[in-house]
Amino acid sequence: MLPSMTLSARNQLKGTVEEIQLGGVMAHVVVRVGENLIESVITRRSAEEMALKQGDVVTVVIKSTEVMLQKD
């Protein structure tokens, strides 16, 4: 197991892996955070190294230069 990493990203959300679709090079991962689903595309190698599977608890880290909002 790797040691814990400190990140500068402040947008860190705990969630549960709902679905994983492995492709040839990439993996599409869907994570449930509360009532919301967050989708991520990572390398297949990363998904395999983390041994990601449905039901795993993960932390979604969002680091972006742009975040769009829509008023309801």
Protein backbone atom coordinates (compact mmCIF):
# COMPACT_ATOMS: atom_id res chain seq x y z
CA MET A 1 0.00 0.00 0.00
CA LEU A 2 1.28 3.44 -0.90
CA PRO A 3 1.70 6.10 1.78
CA SER A 4 -0.93 8.80 2.01
CA MET A 5 -0.42 11.83 -0.24
CA THR A 6 -1.08 15.45 0.64
CA LEU A 7 -2.78 17.34 -2.20
CA SER A 8 -3.30 21.03 -2.80
CA ALA A 9 -6.71 20.38 -4.38
CA ARG A 10 -9.43 21.37 -1.93
CA ASN A 11 -12.32 19.79 -3.82
CA GLN A 12 -12.12 16.27 -2.43
CA LEU A 13 -15.33 14.25 -2.23
CA LYS A 14 -15.78 10.76 -0.73
CA GLY A 15 -17.88 8.42 -2.82
CA THR A 16 -18.54 4.84 -3.87
CA VAL A 17 -17.65 3.30 -7.22
CA GLU A 18 -20.92 2.51 -9.01
CA GLU A 19 -19.58 1.27 -12.32
CA ILE A 20 -16.33 0.63 -14.18
CA GLN A 21 -16.00 0.09 -17.92
CA LEU A 22 -12.54 -1.02 -19.01
CA GLY A 23 -11.44 -0.17 -22.53
CA GLY A 24 -8.23 -1.00 -24.34
CA VAL A 25 -6.31 1.97 -22.91
CA MET A 26 -8.79 3.94 -20.78
CA ALA A 27 -11.28 3.15 -18.01
CA HIS A 28 -14.58 4.97 -17.44
CA VAL A 29 -15.41 5.13 -13.73
CA VAL A 30 -18.70 6.33 -12.25
CA VAL A 31 -18.65 7.38 -8.57
CA ARG A 32 -21.71 8.15 -6.45
CA VAL A 33 -21.28 11.11 -4.10
CA GLY A 34 -24.54 11.50 -2.18
CA GLU A 35 -27.31 11.81 -4.76
CA ASN A 36 -24.85 12.77 -7.52
CA LEU A 37 -22.85 10.73 -10.00
CA ILE A 38 -19.37 11.89 -10.98
CA GLU A 39 -17.76 10.38 -14.05
CA SER A 40 -14.02 10.09 -14.56
CA VAL A 41 -11.87 8.73 -17.36
CA ILE A 42 -8.54 7.36 -16.17
CA THR A 43 -5.99 5.03 -17.72
CA ARG A 44 -6.82 1.35 -17.61
CA ARG A 45 -3.41 0.80 -16.01
CA SER A 46 -4.31 3.15 -13.12
CA ALA A 47 -7.64 1.37 -12.58
CA GLU A 48 -5.87 -1.99 -12.54
CA GLU A 49 -3.08 -0.78 -10.22
CA MET A 50 -5.71 0.51 -7.77
CA ALA A 51 -7.69 -2.73 -8.28
CA LEU A 52 -10.84 -0.61 -8.55
CA LYS A 53 -14.11 -2.48 -8.33
CA GLN A 54 -17.77 -1.69 -7.83
CA GLY A 55 -18.50 -0.80 -4.20
CA ASP A 56 -15.02 0.54 -3.42
CA VAL A 57 -14.92 3.76 -1.41
CA VAL A 58 -12.77 6.36 -3.18
CA THR A 59 -11.99 10.06 -2.97
CA VAL A 60 -12.81 12.11 -6.06
CA VAL A 61 -10.30 14.94 -6.40
CA ILE A 62 -11.39 17.81 -8.66
CA LYS A 63 -8.69 20.19 -9.80
CA SER A 64 -9.86 22.48 -12.55
CA THR A 65 -9.19 25.94 -13.87
CA GLU A 66 -12.86 26.28 -14.80
CA VAL A 67 -16.02 25.34 -12.94
CA MET A 68 -19.34 26.21 -14.54
CA LEU A 69 -22.48 26.93 -12.56
CA GLN A 70 -26.14 27.13 -13.54
CA LYS A 71 -28.70 28.80 -11.33
CA ASP A 72 -31.77 26.63 -10.66
